Amino acid sequence: MQIYNLEMRDFRNYKEEYIEFSPGVNVFIGNNGQGKTNLLEAVYYLSVGKSPRIKLQTDLIRWGCEKFSLKMSCQSIDRSLTMESYMSKDKKVFKINGMPLKKLSEYIGTLVTVFFYPDDLELLKKGPTERRKFIDQLISQNKPFYIPLLNTYLKILKQKNSLLRNRGDIATLKSQLQIWNEQLFQAGCRIIEYRLLYTNALLENMAESFHYLFGENQDLEIIYQSCGKNGYNEIIENFQRQLEKNIDIEIDQRTALYGPHRDDILVLLNGRSARYFASQGQQRALVLSMKLSEMEIIIREKGEPPLLLLDDIFSELDEIKQDFLMNYIISAGQQTLVSLTHLETMKDIKNNGQIFRVRNGIVDS
């Protein structure tokens, strides 16, 4: 995957900007708050249809404006593409080659990206929600049909929770819950299947980078845990059993307590939770290894490398990890967009990429 150019209008702090990219490494240099991250965010938005940084997407519109628009020309392994999006306060539109798309699932997976930025440390530091988002995003970029599957599950879950909150006659409620539980189970089993598959693939593809960063004497485990169990058969059996036997508990607590919306991905370093026991440096290295594994999975399934977006993460890595990542980027030969405050943090970039200067929402090459 390669992008040729990007056009932004009233996006974040950009009034109107047009950028042409090199096929290799593109480095954006500037002080904090000048628009480097916003530029990478625009590319990511065109890839997955949402920002990785905020929940209220209308906040992407430049202050005082009514809407923003983004347009990008790119090349996949088998076709040339023009990807567009615009958003106003009451409308969001995505287009491929000028054709509006009705569903986001028709859009995601067209331009595949891996975005690595400092807040990714929350993947390990925070609770299960962040790890579920990570694995769901990975699956969605490779299997777009996973998006409507996930949406179906969430709609069923919403209906079940509404029923639990507004309960009436208990006998009638239990009868209705059994119907929703059956639907929840059917959709949930498929989600569990794909999450388990991609969690195992994540661990498998992390082996090389993990052992380089941590050494051969360190041990890594990544375990998909659902309904308190590991392994597909055990998970499914326990999921069904909990739905059948614990209806009274859910009625009492007025919320759905069992299903993949409560799952977690456990990352264990030498048998201990990396969330609680790994140092800050070890957590950075683990997240870096997970991101590189994400890239390898995409290459294997898509047959081409994804676009790599690195937002000021070199300053978060020690020299060994900086060198490892830089060598990986150069040897892979894939297109990469990097934001930096100082060029010194990437020693070899002058011979391997194009440099842009970013200041107050203006980009100069």
Protein backbone atom coordinates (compact mmCIF):
# COMPACT_ATOMS: atom_id res chain seq x y z
CA MET A 1 0.00 0.00 0.00
CA GLN A 2 1.31 3.45 -0.92
CA ILE A 3 -0.23 6.89 -0.62
CA TYR A 4 0.71 9.59 -3.13
CA ASN A 5 -0.84 12.73 -1.73
CA LEU A 6 -3.17 14.12 0.90
CA GLU A 7 -5.47 17.14 0.75
CA MET A 8 -6.93 18.59 3.96
CA ARG A 9 -9.48 21.37 4.39
CA ASP A 10 -10.52 22.67 7.81
CA PHE A 11 -9.24 19.55 9.56
CA ARG A 12 -7.92 20.18 13.07
CA ASN A 13 -5.50 23.15 12.75
CA TYR A 14 -5.17 22.82 8.94
CA LYS A 15 -7.05 25.40 6.90
CA GLU A 16 -6.01 24.08 3.48
CA GLU A 17 -2.99 21.89 2.84
CA TYR A 18 -1.75 19.61 0.08
CA ILE A 19 1.13 17.16 0.63
CA GLU A 20 2.90 14.78 -1.74
CA PHE A 21 4.62 11.79 -0.12
CA SER A 22 7.71 9.83 -1.04
CA PRO A 23 7.37 6.04 -1.38
CA GLY A 24 9.77 5.46 1.53
CA VAL A 25 10.05 7.19 4.90
CA ASN A 26 8.35 10.58 5.29
CA VAL A 27 9.45 12.53 8.36
CA PHE A 28 7.49 15.49 9.74
CA ILE A 29 9.56 17.73 12.00
CA GLY A 30 8.14 20.43 14.23
CA ASN A 31 7.55 21.61 17.77
CA ASN A 32 4.64 20.30 19.78
CA GLY A 33 1.21 21.67 18.82
CA GLN A 34 2.12 22.53 15.23
CA GLY A 35 0.05 19.83 13.50
CA LYS A 36 2.31 16.79 13.07
CA THR A 37 -0.01 14.41 14.89
CA ASN A 38 -3.04 15.95 13.16
CA LEU A 39 -1.56 15.06 9.78
CA LEU A 40 -1.04 11.41 10.74
CA GLU A 41 -4.50 11.41 12.29
CA ALA A 42 -6.00 12.53 8.95
CA VAL A 43 -4.38 9.58 7.16
CA TYR A 44 -5.57 7.18 9.84
CA TYR A 45 -9.08 8.64 9.70
CA LEU A 46 -9.20 7.96 5.95
CA SER A 47 -8.11 4.40 6.70
CA VAL A 48 -10.53 3.34 9.46
CA GLY A 49 -13.21 6.04 9.47
CA LYS A 50 -12.56 7.41 12.94
CA SER A 51 -9.94 9.15 15.04
CA PRO A 52 -7.80 7.10 17.44
CA ARG A 53 -7.57 10.05 19.83
CA ILE A 54 -11.09 11.37 20.52
CA LYS A 55 -14.64 10.06 20.83
CA LEU A 56 -16.52 13.16 19.57
CA GLN A 57 -15.55 13.13 15.91
CA THR A 58 -16.94 16.60 15.22
CA ASP A 59 -14.01 17.91 17.28
CA LEU A 60 -11.91 17.20 14.18
CA ILE A 61 -13.51 20.20 12.44
CA ARG A 62 -11.29 23.28 12.58
CA TRP A 63 -12.44 25.79 15.17
CA GLY A 64 -15.11 28.14 13.80
CA CYS A 65 -15.79 26.02 10.67
CA GLU A 66 -18.84 23.99 9.68
CA LYS A 67 -17.15 20.90 8.22
CA PHE A 68 -13.86 19.34 7.19
CA SER A 69 -12.86 17.38 4.09
CA LEU A 70 -10.03 14.94 3.39
CA LYS A 71 -8.91 13.44 0.10
CA MET A 72 -6.08 11.05 -0.63
CA SER A 73 -4.72 9.27 -3.69
CA CYS A 74 -3.17 5.87 -3.10
CA GLN A 75 -2.20 2.58 -4.70
CA SER A 76 -2.96 -0.90 -3.42
CA ILE A 77 -1.46 -4.08 -4.79
CA ASP A 78 -4.00 -4.27 -7.62
CA ARG A 79 -5.64 -0.86 -8.13
CA SER A 80 -5.38 2.91 -7.89
CA LEU A 81 -7.70 4.59 -5.40
CA THR A 82 -9.00 7.97 -4.40
CA MET A 83 -10.31 8.00 -0.84
CA GLU A 84 -12.41 10.89 0.44
CA SER A 85 -14.29 11.87 3.53
CA TYR A 86 -16.07 14.92 4.77
CA MET A 87 -17.90 15.61 7.98
CA SER A 88 -20.27 18.31 9.10
CA LYS A 89 -22.01 18.50 12.46
CA ASP A 90 -24.85 16.30 11.23
CA LYS A 91 -23.37 14.23 8.40
CA LYS A 92 -20.39 11.99 7.68
CA VAL A 93 -19.57 10.73 4.17
CA PHE A 94 -16.92 8.33 2.86
CA LYS A 95 -16.14 7.78 -0.82
CA ILE A 96 -13.90 5.48 -2.84
CA ASN A 97 -13.17 6.62 -6.39
CA GLY A 98 -15.99 9.13 -6.10
CA MET A 99 -18.64 6.61 -5.04
CA PRO A 100 -20.31 7.22 -1.63
CA LEU A 101 -20.42 4.16 0.61
CA LYS A 102 -23.44 3.28 2.72
CA LYS A 103 -21.63 1.18 5.32
CA LEU A 104 -18.29 1.65 7.06
CA SER A 105 -17.61 -2.07 6.56
CA GLU A 106 -17.44 -1.35 2.80
CA TYR A 107 -14.69 1.16 3.49
CA ILE A 108 -12.46 -0.30 6.20
CA GLY A 109 -9.71 -2.56 4.89
CA THR A 110 -9.23 -0.58 1.66
CA LEU A 111 -6.27 1.38 3.03
CA VAL A 112 -4.66 -0.62 5.83
CA THR A 113 -2.58 1.22 8.41
CA VAL A 114 -0.74 0.52 11.64
CA PHE A 115 -0.65 3.57 13.92
CA PHE A 116 1.84 3.66 16.80
CA TYR A 117 1.75 6.63 19.15
CA PRO A 118 2.68 7.30 22.82
CA ASP A 119 -0.85 6.73 24.13
CA ASP A 120 -0.60 3.13 22.91
CA LEU A 121 0.96 2.36 26.28
CA GLU A 122 -2.62 2.45 27.54
CA LEU A 123 -3.04 -0.85 25.71
CA LEU A 124 -1.27 -2.50 28.63
CA LYS A 125 -1.80 0.02 31.41
CA LYS A 126 -5.58 0.38 31.22
CA GLY A 127 -8.39 -2.13 31.49
CA PRO A 128 -9.76 -4.78 29.09
CA THR A 129 -11.63 -2.25 26.91
CA GLU A 130 -8.38 -1.00 25.33
CA ARG A 131 -7.22 -4.52 24.49
CA ARG A 132 -10.59 -5.48 23.04
CA LYS A 133 -10.46 -2.38 20.82
CA PHE A 134 -6.97 -3.34 19.64
CA ILE A 135 -7.86 -6.89 18.64
CA ASP A 136 -11.20 -5.82 17.09
CA GLN A 137 -9.43 -3.17 14.98
CA LEU A 138 -6.87 -5.73 13.81
CA ILE A 139 -9.59 -8.20 12.83
CA SER A 140 -11.69 -5.51 11.11
CA GLN A 141 -8.88 -4.33 8.84
CA ASN A 142 -8.30 -7.90 7.68
CA LYS A 143 -11.89 -9.16 7.79
CA PRO A 144 -14.34 -6.29 7.09
CA PHE A 145 -17.34 -8.59 7.65
CA TYR A 146 -16.34 -8.63 11.32
CA ILE A 147 -17.66 -5.05 11.70
CA PRO A 148 -21.35 -5.87 11.07
CA LEU A 149 -20.92 -9.00 13.22
CA LEU A 150 -19.66 -6.87 16.10
CA ASN A 151 -22.42 -4.31 15.55
CA THR A 152 -25.03 -7.06 15.60
CA TYR A 153 -23.72 -8.34 18.91
CA LEU A 154 -23.72 -4.83 20.41
CA LYS A 155 -27.32 -4.24 19.27
CA ILE A 156 -28.44 -7.49 20.89
CA LEU A 157 -26.54 -6.55 24.05
CA LYS A 158 -28.20 -3.14 24.11
CA GLN A 159 -31.65 -4.70 23.80
CA LYS A 160 -30.91 -7.18 26.57
CA ASN A 161 -29.62 -4.47 28.91
CA SER A 162 -32.68 -2.33 28.17
CA LEU A 163 -34.88 -5.28 29.10
CA LEU A 164 -32.95 -5.83 32.34
CA ARG A 165 -33.16 -2.18 33.34
CA ASN A 166 -36.90 -1.90 32.66
CA ARG A 167 -37.91 -5.28 34.00
CA GLY A 168 -41.55 -6.08 34.61
CA ASP A 169 -43.12 -9.40 35.50
CA ILE A 170 -40.25 -11.78 36.39
CA ALA A 171 -41.67 -14.82 34.62
CA THR A 172 -42.19 -12.83 31.40
CA LEU A 173 -38.75 -11.24 31.77
CA LYS A 174 -37.03 -14.63 32.08
CA SER A 175 -38.81 -15.89 28.98
CA GLN A 176 -37.73 -12.82 27.00
CA LEU A 177 -34.17 -13.05 28.31
CA GLN A 178 -33.86 -16.61 27.06
CA ILE A 179 -34.65 -15.41 23.53
CA TRP A 180 -32.07 -12.60 23.70
CA ASN A 181 -29.52 -14.91 25.30
CA GLU A 182 -29.77 -17.31 22.39
CA GLN A 183 -29.08 -14.50 19.92
CA LEU A 184 -26.28 -13.16 22.10
CA PHE A 185 -24.71 -16.61 22.25
CA GLN A 186 -24.81 -17.16 18.49
CA ALA A 187 -23.19 -13.81 17.65
CA GLY A 188 -20.83 -13.99 20.64
CA CYS A 189 -19.43 -17.38 19.63
CA ARG A 190 -18.30 -16.03 16.26
CA ILE A 191 -16.66 -12.99 17.88
CA ILE A 192 -14.84 -15.24 20.35
CA GLU A 193 -13.67 -17.47 17.49
CA TYR A 194 -12.06 -14.59 15.58
CA ARG A 195 -10.60 -12.91 18.66
CA LEU A 196 -9.01 -16.17 19.75
CA LEU A 197 -7.62 -16.79 16.25
CA TYR A 198 -6.02 -13.35 16.01
CA THR A 199 -4.72 -13.36 19.58
CA ASN A 200 -2.84 -16.57 18.79
CA ALA A 201 -1.55 -15.04 15.54
CA LEU A 202 -0.39 -11.97 17.47
CA LEU A 203 1.71 -14.09 19.82
CA GLU A 204 3.13 -16.19 17.01
CA ASN A 205 4.28 -13.15 15.01
CA MET A 206 5.74 -11.43 18.09
CA ALA A 207 8.33 -14.14 18.70
CA GLU A 208 11.21 -12.65 16.68
CA SER A 209 10.89 -9.03 17.80
CA PHE A 210 10.19 -10.03 21.42
CA HIS A 211 13.31 -12.17 21.73
CA TYR A 212 15.43 -9.46 20.13
CA LEU A 213 14.14 -6.81 22.54
CA PHE A 214 14.00 -8.97 25.69
CA GLY A 215 16.49 -11.80 25.15
CA GLU A 216 16.05 -15.53 24.79
CA ASN A 217 15.70 -16.11 28.55
CA GLN A 218 12.47 -14.09 28.77
CA ASP A 219 9.07 -15.71 28.37
CA LEU A 220 5.95 -14.15 26.80
CA GLU A 221 2.35 -15.34 26.86
CA ILE A 222 -0.71 -13.68 25.32
CA ILE A 223 -3.92 -15.35 26.40
CA TYR A 224 -7.44 -14.58 25.22
CA GLN A 225 -9.69 -14.97 28.23
CA SER A 226 -13.46 -15.10 27.85
CA CYS A 227 -16.06 -15.97 30.48
CA GLY A 228 -13.20 -16.79 32.82
CA LYS A 229 -11.83 -19.54 30.57
CA ASN A 230 -9.07 -20.10 27.99
CA GLY A 231 -9.40 -22.26 24.89
CA TYR A 232 -12.33 -22.23 22.48
CA ASN A 233 -14.27 -25.27 23.67
CA GLU A 234 -13.97 -24.36 27.35
CA ILE A 235 -14.97 -20.75 26.63
CA ILE A 236 -18.05 -21.68 24.61
CA GLU A 237 -19.25 -24.29 27.09
CA ASN A 238 -18.85 -21.89 30.01
CA PHE A 239 -20.45 -19.01 28.08
CA GLN A 240 -23.59 -21.04 27.43
CA ARG A 241 -23.68 -22.36 30.99
CA GLN A 242 -23.40 -18.86 32.49
CA LEU A 243 -26.20 -17.51 30.31
CA GLU A 244 -28.48 -20.38 31.28
CA LYS A 245 -27.75 -20.59 35.01
CA ASN A 246 -27.19 -16.97 36.01
CA ILE A 247 -30.32 -15.25 34.73
CA ASP A 248 -31.31 -14.38 38.30
CA ILE A 249 -27.95 -12.70 38.94
CA GLU A 250 -28.28 -10.54 35.82
CA ILE A 251 -31.83 -9.61 36.77
CA ASP A 252 -30.66 -8.64 40.23
CA GLN A 253 -27.80 -6.50 38.88
CA ARG A 254 -29.82 -5.22 35.90
CA THR A 255 -27.02 -5.68 33.39
CA ALA A 256 -25.61 -8.36 31.06
CA LEU A 257 -22.67 -9.92 32.86
CA TYR A 258 -21.55 -12.65 30.46
CA GLY A 259 -20.21 -12.52 26.91
CA PRO A 260 -17.33 -11.20 24.80
CA HIS A 261 -18.12 -7.60 25.81
CA ARG A 262 -16.37 -8.53 29.08
CA ASP A 263 -13.38 -10.38 27.63
CA ASP A 264 -9.72 -9.56 28.14
CA ILE A 265 -6.38 -10.29 26.52
CA LEU A 266 -3.80 -11.17 29.15
CA VAL A 267 -0.19 -10.23 28.40
CA LEU A 268 2.17 -12.12 30.68
CA LEU A 269 5.90 -11.50 30.99
CA ASN A 270 7.65 -14.38 32.73
CA GLY A 271 4.31 -15.58 34.02
CA ARG A 272 3.28 -12.23 35.55
CA SER A 273 0.82 -9.64 34.27
CA ALA A 274 2.64 -7.01 32.18
CA ARG A 275 -0.11 -4.58 33.16
CA TYR A 276 0.92 -4.65 36.83
CA PHE A 277 4.47 -5.98 36.99
CA ALA A 278 6.29 -4.85 33.81
CA SER A 279 8.35 -1.67 33.99
CA GLN A 280 7.55 1.35 31.80
CA GLY A 281 10.41 0.41 29.47
CA GLN A 282 9.24 -3.19 29.25
CA GLN A 283 5.69 -2.06 28.50
CA ARG A 284 6.96 0.16 25.68
CA ALA A 285 8.92 -2.75 24.22
CA LEU A 286 5.91 -5.06 24.47
CA VAL A 287 3.62 -2.60 22.72
CA LEU A 288 6.26 -2.06 20.01
CA SER A 289 6.47 -5.81 19.52
CA MET A 290 2.66 -6.08 19.36
CA LYS A 291 2.50 -3.36 16.71
CA LEU A 292 5.16 -5.06 14.60
CA SER A 293 3.24 -8.32 14.95
CA GLU A 294 0.12 -6.50 13.77
CA MET A 295 2.03 -5.46 10.66
CA GLU A 296 3.23 -9.00 9.96
CA ILE A 297 -0.31 -10.36 10.24
CA ILE A 298 -1.57 -7.75 7.77
CA ILE A 299 1.24 -8.52 5.31
CA ARG A 300 0.43 -12.23 5.51
CA GLU A 301 -3.32 -11.76 4.99
CA LYS A 302 -3.33 -8.83 2.56
CA GLY A 303 -0.26 -9.76 0.56
CA GLU A 304 1.22 -6.26 0.93
CA PRO A 305 2.60 -4.17 3.78
CA PRO A 306 0.34 -1.68 5.55
CA LEU A 307 1.08 2.01 5.78
CA LEU A 308 3.02 2.61 9.01
CA LEU A 309 2.27 5.74 11.07
CA LEU A 310 4.67 6.59 13.92
CA ASP A 311 3.73 9.58 16.05
CA ASP A 312 6.67 10.89 18.08
CA ILE A 313 7.40 7.49 19.57
CA PHE A 314 11.17 7.42 19.12
CA SER A 315 11.61 9.72 22.10
CA GLU A 316 9.72 7.12 24.15
CA LEU A 317 12.18 4.34 23.23
CA ASP A 318 15.75 3.79 24.39
CA GLU A 319 18.59 3.68 21.85
CA ILE A 320 18.46 -0.10 21.35
CA LYS A 321 14.75 -0.03 20.57
CA GLN A 322 15.15 3.04 18.34
CA ASP A 323 17.82 1.24 16.29
CA PHE A 324 15.72 -1.91 16.12
CA LEU A 325 12.65 -0.04 14.85
CA MET A 326 14.66 2.06 12.39
CA ASN A 327 16.36 -1.04 10.96
CA TYR A 328 12.99 -2.77 10.70
CA ILE A 329 11.49 0.15 8.75
CA ILE A 330 14.43 0.42 6.36
CA SER A 331 14.73 -3.32 5.72
CA ALA A 332 10.96 -3.69 5.19
CA GLY A 333 11.04 -0.99 2.51
CA GLN A 334 7.48 0.05 3.24
CA GLN A 335 6.05 3.53 3.20
CA THR A 336 6.18 5.14 6.64
CA LEU A 337 5.04 8.48 8.06
CA VAL A 338 6.96 9.63 11.14
CA SER A 339 6.48 12.68 13.33
CA LEU A 340 9.43 14.02 15.36
CA THR A 341 10.35 17.09 17.35
CA HIS A 342 14.08 16.62 16.65
CA LEU A 343 15.72 14.92 13.69
CA GLU A 344 18.56 13.66 15.88
CA THR A 345 16.37 10.88 17.23
CA MET A 346 16.56 9.11 13.85
CA LYS A 347 20.20 8.94 12.88
CA ASP A 348 19.83 7.27 9.48
CA ILE A 349 16.79 9.11 8.19
CA LYS A 350 18.64 11.55 5.92
CA ASN A 351 19.65 8.71 3.62
CA ASN A 352 16.34 6.89 3.67
CA GLY A 353 13.51 9.39 3.55
CA GLN A 354 12.01 12.76 2.81
CA ILE A 355 11.86 15.49 5.43
CA PHE A 356 8.99 17.95 5.93
CA ARG A 357 8.78 20.90 8.31
CA VAL A 358 5.48 21.57 10.07
CA ARG A 359 4.63 24.93 11.60
CA ASN A 360 1.19 26.31 12.55
CA GLY A 361 -0.67 23.94 10.25
CA ILE A 362 1.59 24.55 7.24
CA VAL A 363 3.82 21.81 5.78
CA ASP A 364 7.00 22.61 3.83
CA SER A 365 9.24 20.04 2.15
